[in-house]
Amino acid sequence: MANMDGTIPRIDFAGIDPAAAAGPGRDSARWAAVRAAVMEALYEHGVFEAVMDGLIAPELSAAMLGPGGAAESFFSLPPSTKALYTNMEKPYLGYLSSSFLTLPYETLCVKDPLFPDGVPALASLMWPDAGNPSFCETVQAYTEKLSALATVVLRMVLESLGATAECIEEQARATSLALRLSGYEAPGTAEGRLGLFTHRDKSFLSVLTHNGLDGLEVELGRGEGGWARPTLSPGGFHVLAGDMLQVLTNDRVFSPLHRVVVAGDKTRYAFVLFSNPGDDVVVRAVDAAVDAQRPAAYRPFQYSEYVGFFFSKEHNDKLNKLEVFAALGIDGR
């Protein structure tokens, strides 16, 4: 039964310094307590709200998602200008219009946003005269903040599994980023309208925030807990596990179904940062997650192979893409 008043776990990251993900400070009782809460939430539901007051200053939040901010400045550009960032070979990268998506929203995906060919390359196409340095600075600063949170969460998950320090550092080196900005057209009614189809993410982790307009709906309890429509609190970020984290942890973390439903008379802007394997990275369960009692649930595969499968027309409507693509049977086949 749907439970749209339901909630997702809310975890207070007070006392957790994002810089601790790469240095001292991980041996504290506070770190251990938050780590345990993170692992429990991702095991049971695959999603939680991370409350980290002060991670993003109000000024940066307004510059990114507020009126006249970076998101609005991009989506208010002429359609012909935004279309310059369309990737015909890989449509899931670049800009997609509502007519292409057949839903009342438009979206932009930038791979490796902190690299020179990421956000700066986008800005030089959209604003060829000057490149809009304010847009670049805002988007990159916002990306860096969410990336710090994603790094902390991934480290906590791997530590919970008992992964070695070498394994954790290897995973950090194998991780790349992609950001997605989406604008959801206001339906003009109180009745909810589908903004984004039901799906699972293909990433390690997704960190999501928005301009104060809720819309995320997520299936809880590994598919047995009904649907919830969580409200994002001030200083909060939704964190969702993706298919690659489910593989990495050998099913100890779950990639949940989720969708977006919008209502009201204001455009909803959402910013999602994806933490992904690099295209050429071979994804497999870490050694600490596999033993005789719990053999590997998925075959090793190159991430780019899964991306191709994930977006193929033949499998586009499947909700269990990971299982179809890589699940192993009892006999290992």
Protein backbone atom coordinates (compact mmCIF):
# COMPACT_ATOMS: atom_id res chain seq x y z
CA MET A 1 0.00 0.00 0.00
CA ALA A 2 1.32 3.44 -0.90
CA ASN A 3 2.37 5.50 2.09
CA MET A 4 2.95 9.00 0.83
CA ASP A 5 3.10 10.32 4.40
CA GLY A 6 5.92 7.91 5.17
CA THR A 7 9.41 9.05 5.96
CA ILE A 8 12.90 7.89 5.15
CA PRO A 9 15.67 7.60 7.74
CA ARG A 10 17.08 11.00 8.68
CA ILE A 11 20.71 10.98 9.79
CA ASP A 12 22.34 13.94 11.51
CA PHE A 13 25.92 14.36 10.31
CA ALA A 14 26.71 16.94 12.99
CA GLY A 15 30.31 16.53 14.06
CA ILE A 16 31.30 14.78 10.83
CA ASP A 17 33.89 16.77 8.91
CA PRO A 18 33.84 15.91 5.18
CA ALA A 19 37.61 16.32 5.20
CA ALA A 20 37.78 13.35 7.58
CA ALA A 21 36.99 11.07 4.66
CA ALA A 22 40.58 11.52 3.56
CA GLY A 23 42.37 12.10 6.85
CA PRO A 24 42.30 11.83 10.65
CA GLY A 25 39.02 11.81 12.56
CA ARG A 26 37.49 8.54 11.42
CA ASP A 27 38.16 6.73 14.69
CA SER A 28 35.78 8.80 16.79
CA ALA A 29 32.66 7.39 18.42
CA ARG A 30 30.63 9.97 16.50
CA TRP A 31 31.96 8.73 13.15
CA ALA A 32 31.20 5.13 14.13
CA ALA A 33 27.64 5.99 15.19
CA VAL A 34 26.84 7.83 11.96
CA ARG A 35 28.49 5.07 9.93
CA ALA A 36 26.26 2.46 11.58
CA ALA A 37 23.15 4.55 10.89
CA VAL A 38 24.16 5.03 7.25
CA MET A 39 24.70 1.33 6.69
CA GLU A 40 21.43 0.39 8.38
CA ALA A 41 19.48 2.88 6.25
CA LEU A 42 21.09 1.76 3.00
CA TYR A 43 20.62 -1.91 3.86
CA GLU A 44 16.94 -1.53 4.73
CA HIS A 45 15.82 1.11 2.25
CA GLY A 46 18.69 2.24 0.01
CA VAL A 47 17.95 5.87 0.86
CA PHE A 48 18.25 8.35 3.69
CA GLU A 49 18.32 12.07 4.33
CA ALA A 50 21.71 13.39 5.36
CA VAL A 51 21.41 16.52 7.48
CA MET A 52 24.70 18.39 7.35
CA ASP A 53 24.09 21.97 8.43
CA GLY A 54 26.67 24.34 7.04
CA LEU A 55 27.81 22.10 4.19
CA ILE A 56 26.36 24.60 1.72
CA ALA A 57 26.11 28.25 2.71
CA PRO A 58 22.72 29.93 2.13
CA GLU A 59 24.35 32.26 -0.39
CA LEU A 60 25.65 29.36 -2.47
CA SER A 61 22.32 27.56 -2.28
CA ALA A 62 20.51 30.66 -3.52
CA ALA A 63 23.07 31.21 -6.28
CA MET A 64 22.56 27.64 -7.48
CA LEU A 65 18.84 26.94 -7.13
CA GLY A 66 17.20 30.20 -6.10
CA PRO A 67 15.41 32.77 -8.30
CA GLY A 68 17.85 34.01 -10.92
CA GLY A 69 20.36 31.36 -9.90
CA ALA A 70 22.48 29.09 -12.04
CA ALA A 71 19.75 26.52 -12.67
CA GLU A 72 17.23 29.13 -13.75
CA SER A 73 19.79 30.95 -15.88
CA PHE A 74 20.46 27.78 -17.86
CA PHE A 75 16.88 26.62 -18.32
CA SER A 76 15.72 30.10 -19.34
CA LEU A 77 18.06 30.06 -22.35
CA PRO A 78 16.46 29.69 -25.81
CA PRO A 79 15.78 26.06 -26.78
CA SER A 80 18.13 26.35 -29.74
CA THR A 81 20.96 27.41 -27.44
CA LYS A 82 20.40 24.61 -24.92
CA ALA A 83 20.25 22.14 -27.81
CA LEU A 84 23.89 22.92 -28.60
CA TYR A 85 24.80 20.73 -25.62
CA THR A 86 22.87 17.73 -26.93
CA ASN A 87 24.90 14.54 -27.21
CA MET A 88 23.47 12.57 -30.12
CA GLU A 89 25.73 9.55 -29.54
CA LYS A 90 24.98 9.37 -25.81
CA PRO A 91 21.70 11.23 -25.21
CA TYR A 92 21.84 10.59 -21.46
CA LEU A 93 24.79 12.98 -21.39
CA GLY A 94 24.22 16.60 -22.29
CA TYR A 95 20.87 18.36 -22.64
CA LEU A 96 17.49 16.71 -23.19
CA SER A 97 14.32 18.66 -23.90
CA SER A 98 10.83 17.82 -22.69
CA SER A 99 9.82 16.88 -26.24
CA PHE A 100 12.57 14.25 -26.35
CA LEU A 101 11.73 12.94 -22.89
CA THR A 102 7.93 12.93 -23.49
CA LEU A 103 7.51 14.29 -19.97
CA PRO A 104 7.10 17.90 -18.81
CA TYR A 105 10.68 18.37 -17.70
CA GLU A 106 14.06 19.12 -19.22
CA THR A 107 17.42 18.04 -17.96
CA LEU A 108 21.14 18.62 -18.31
CA CYS A 109 23.89 16.13 -17.46
CA VAL A 110 27.54 17.17 -17.24
CA LYS A 111 30.15 14.45 -16.93
CA ASP A 112 33.29 15.24 -14.91
CA PRO A 113 31.92 18.67 -13.96
CA LEU A 114 35.09 19.75 -12.15
CA PHE A 115 37.30 19.15 -15.20
CA PRO A 116 38.00 21.88 -17.80
CA ASP A 117 35.86 20.05 -20.36
CA GLY A 118 32.99 19.85 -17.88
CA VAL A 119 31.15 22.95 -16.66
CA PRO A 120 33.48 25.49 -18.36
CA ALA A 121 32.94 23.79 -21.72
CA LEU A 122 29.18 23.93 -21.19
CA ALA A 123 29.31 27.62 -20.28
CA SER A 124 31.39 28.50 -23.33
CA LEU A 125 28.68 27.00 -25.54
CA MET A 126 25.76 28.61 -23.73
CA TRP A 127 27.35 32.05 -23.28
CA PRO A 128 29.99 32.25 -26.05
CA ASP A 129 30.89 35.90 -25.46
CA ALA A 130 32.24 35.53 -21.93
CA GLY A 131 31.57 31.98 -20.75
CA ASN A 132 29.57 33.11 -17.68
CA PRO A 133 32.25 32.68 -14.97
CA SER A 134 29.66 33.20 -12.22
CA PHE A 135 27.70 30.18 -13.47
CA CYS A 136 30.87 28.07 -13.56
CA GLU A 137 31.99 29.09 -10.08
CA THR A 138 28.57 28.41 -8.58
CA VAL A 139 28.01 25.02 -10.19
CA GLN A 140 31.53 23.81 -9.45
CA ALA A 141 31.44 24.99 -5.84
CA TYR A 142 28.09 23.27 -5.34
CA THR A 143 29.44 20.10 -6.95
CA GLU A 144 32.48 20.08 -4.66
CA LYS A 145 30.28 20.29 -1.56
CA LEU A 146 28.02 17.41 -2.59
CA SER A 147 31.03 15.40 -3.70
CA ALA A 148 32.47 15.71 -0.20
CA LEU A 149 29.28 14.25 1.28
CA ALA A 150 29.25 11.40 -1.26
CA THR A 151 32.88 10.60 -0.44
CA VAL A 152 32.09 10.37 3.27
CA VAL A 153 29.11 8.08 2.69
CA LEU A 154 31.00 5.74 0.34
CA ARG A 155 33.88 5.46 2.80
CA MET A 156 31.47 4.67 5.63
CA VAL A 157 29.85 1.90 3.60
CA LEU A 158 33.19 0.32 2.72
CA GLU A 159 34.43 0.58 6.30
CA SER A 160 31.24 -1.13 7.47
CA LEU A 161 32.05 -4.07 5.21
CA GLY A 162 35.53 -4.34 6.68
CA ALA A 163 37.28 -3.24 3.49
CA THR A 164 40.99 -2.55 3.76
CA ALA A 165 42.42 0.94 3.53
CA GLU A 166 43.95 0.00 0.17
CA CYS A 167 40.54 -1.11 -1.13
CA ILE A 168 38.91 2.12 0.02
CA GLU A 169 41.56 4.25 -1.65
CA GLU A 170 41.29 2.18 -4.83
CA GLN A 171 37.54 2.79 -4.94
CA ALA A 172 38.09 6.52 -4.45
CA ARG A 173 40.48 6.60 -7.41
CA ALA A 174 38.03 4.62 -9.54
CA THR A 175 35.16 7.03 -8.89
CA SER A 176 34.05 9.76 -11.28
CA LEU A 177 31.33 12.40 -11.01
CA ALA A 178 28.40 13.54 -13.10
CA LEU A 179 25.91 16.26 -12.24
CA ARG A 180 22.34 16.49 -13.40
CA LEU A 181 20.27 19.66 -13.36
CA SER A 182 16.56 19.23 -14.03
CA GLY A 183 13.71 21.67 -14.44
CA TYR A 184 10.19 20.32 -13.87
CA GLU A 185 7.39 22.34 -15.41
CA ALA A 186 4.76 23.40 -12.87
CA PRO A 187 1.45 21.59 -13.51
CA GLY A 188 -0.55 24.48 -12.04
CA THR A 189 -2.69 22.17 -9.91
CA ALA A 190 -2.49 20.66 -6.45
CA GLU A 191 -2.87 17.22 -7.97
CA GLY A 192 0.45 15.51 -8.52
CA ARG A 193 1.73 14.86 -12.04
CA LEU A 194 4.49 12.44 -13.01
CA GLY A 195 7.71 14.33 -13.62
CA LEU A 196 10.17 11.46 -13.94
CA PHE A 197 9.51 7.79 -14.60
CA THR A 198 10.07 5.11 -11.97
CA HIS A 199 13.66 3.90 -12.15
CA ARG A 200 16.77 2.91 -10.23
CA ASP A 201 20.06 4.78 -10.48
CA LYS A 202 23.05 3.10 -12.10
CA SER A 203 25.56 4.91 -9.87
CA PHE A 204 27.38 4.17 -6.63
CA LEU A 205 25.52 7.02 -4.94
CA SER A 206 23.23 9.91 -5.83
CA VAL A 207 23.06 13.06 -3.70
CA LEU A 208 19.97 15.12 -4.43
CA THR A 209 18.65 18.50 -3.43
CA HIS A 210 16.17 21.00 -4.89
CA ASN A 211 14.80 24.52 -4.70
CA GLY A 212 12.42 23.83 -1.82
CA LEU A 213 9.82 21.94 -3.84
CA ASP A 214 9.55 18.29 -2.85
CA GLY A 215 8.74 15.69 -5.48
CA LEU A 216 10.90 12.64 -4.86
CA GLU A 217 8.97 9.44 -4.17
CA VAL A 218 10.87 6.32 -3.18
CA GLU A 219 9.96 2.72 -2.50
CA LEU A 220 11.04 1.60 0.96
CA GLY A 221 11.87 -1.68 2.65
CA ARG A 222 13.58 -3.28 -0.36
CA GLY A 223 10.31 -3.07 -2.24
CA GLU A 224 8.11 -4.24 0.61
CA GLY A 225 7.63 -1.05 2.61
CA GLY A 226 5.37 0.98 0.34
CA TRP A 227 6.15 4.33 -1.24
CA ALA A 228 7.16 7.44 0.68
CA ARG A 229 7.27 11.09 -0.38
CA PRO A 230 9.95 12.50 1.93
CA THR A 231 10.20 16.17 2.79
CA LEU A 232 13.69 17.60 2.56
CA SER A 233 14.58 19.53 5.70
CA PRO A 234 16.81 22.63 5.79
CA GLY A 235 20.42 21.54 5.52
CA GLY A 236 19.30 18.14 4.26
CA PHE A 237 20.21 16.11 1.17
CA HIS A 238 18.64 12.93 -0.10
CA VAL A 239 21.22 10.17 -0.57
CA LEU A 240 20.27 7.16 -2.69
CA ALA A 241 22.23 4.00 -3.35
CA GLY A 242 22.60 2.96 -6.97
CA ASP A 243 23.07 -0.33 -8.76
CA MET A 244 26.87 -0.15 -8.63
CA LEU A 245 26.87 0.15 -4.84
CA GLN A 246 24.57 -2.87 -4.68
CA VAL A 247 27.19 -4.81 -6.66
CA LEU A 248 30.11 -3.43 -4.65
CA THR A 249 28.51 -4.48 -1.36
CA ASN A 250 27.22 -7.82 -2.66
CA ASP A 251 23.57 -6.90 -1.97
CA ARG A 252 24.21 -5.54 1.52
CA VAL A 253 23.08 -2.19 0.14
CA PHE A 254 19.91 -1.88 -1.94
CA SER A 255 19.25 0.29 -5.00
CA PRO A 256 15.66 1.53 -4.57
CA LEU A 257 13.01 2.38 -7.11
CA HIS A 258 12.15 6.08 -7.16
CA ARG A 259 10.38 8.67 -9.29
CA VAL A 260 9.44 12.35 -9.27
CA VAL A 261 5.89 13.69 -8.96
CA VAL A 262 5.35 17.45 -9.11
CA ALA A 263 2.46 19.70 -8.13
CA GLY A 264 1.72 23.39 -7.66
CA ASP A 265 2.46 26.46 -9.74
CA LYS A 266 6.24 26.83 -9.40
CA THR A 267 8.99 25.27 -11.48
CA ARG A 268 10.92 22.65 -9.54
CA TYR A 269 14.68 22.72 -9.99
CA ALA A 270 16.69 19.73 -8.81
CA PHE A 271 20.43 19.17 -8.56
CA VAL A 272 21.70 15.58 -8.43
CA LEU A 273 25.34 14.59 -8.09
CA PHE A 274 26.14 11.05 -9.19
CA SER A 275 29.17 9.19 -7.90
CA ASN A 276 29.96 6.61 -10.60
CA PRO A 277 32.71 4.18 -11.54
CA GLY A 278 34.93 5.36 -14.35
CA ASP A 279 33.85 4.07 -17.77
CA ASP A 280 36.68 1.52 -17.97
CA VAL A 281 36.46 0.37 -14.35
CA VAL A 282 35.58 -3.28 -13.79
CA VAL A 283 32.86 -3.39 -11.15
CA ARG A 284 32.72 -6.33 -8.75
CA ALA A 285 31.97 -6.98 -5.11
CA VAL A 286 34.82 -5.98 -2.80
CA ASP A 287 36.64 -8.92 -1.24
CA ALA A 288 35.34 -8.07 2.23
CA ALA A 289 31.74 -8.57 1.05
CA VAL A 290 32.26 -12.08 -0.32
CA ASP A 291 32.81 -15.35 1.54
CA ALA A 292 31.76 -18.99 1.41
CA GLN A 293 28.45 -18.23 3.09
CA ARG A 294 27.77 -15.24 0.83
CA PRO A 295 29.21 -15.81 -2.64
CA ALA A 296 29.26 -13.02 -5.21
CA ALA A 297 25.74 -12.21 -6.43
CA TYR A 298 26.91 -10.53 -9.66
CA ARG A 299 29.54 -11.23 -12.29
CA PRO A 300 32.32 -8.66 -12.79
CA PHE A 301 31.70 -6.26 -15.67
CA GLN A 302 33.00 -3.05 -17.15
CA TYR A 303 30.90 -0.06 -16.14
CA SER A 304 30.58 1.19 -19.71
CA GLU A 305 29.01 -2.16 -20.65
CA TYR A 306 26.32 -1.68 -18.05
CA VAL A 307 25.66 1.90 -19.13
CA GLY A 308 25.07 0.70 -22.69
CA PHE A 309 22.71 -2.00 -21.46
CA PHE A 310 20.97 0.40 -19.06
CA PHE A 311 20.00 2.84 -21.81
CA SER A 312 19.33 0.34 -24.60
CA LYS A 313 15.86 0.43 -26.15
CA GLU A 314 15.47 -3.29 -25.60
CA HIS A 315 15.86 -2.98 -21.84
CA ASN A 316 14.78 0.60 -21.24
CA ASP A 317 11.50 -0.30 -19.53
CA LYS A 318 12.96 -2.94 -17.21
CA LEU A 319 13.03 -2.11 -13.50
CA ASN A 320 15.45 -4.94 -12.63
CA LYS A 321 18.21 -4.11 -15.10
CA LEU A 322 21.06 -5.07 -12.80
CA GLU A 323 19.69 -8.55 -12.18
CA VAL A 324 19.03 -9.13 -15.88
CA PHE A 325 22.51 -7.92 -16.82
CA ALA A 326 24.79 -9.42 -14.20
CA ALA A 327 23.08 -11.61 -11.59
CA LEU A 328 24.71 -14.98 -10.94
CA GLY A 329 22.75 -18.14 -10.21
CA ILE A 330 23.42 -20.55 -7.41
CA ASP A 331 25.91 -22.39 -9.63
CA GLY A 332 27.71 -19.16 -10.47
CA ARG A 333 26.27 -18.77 -13.96
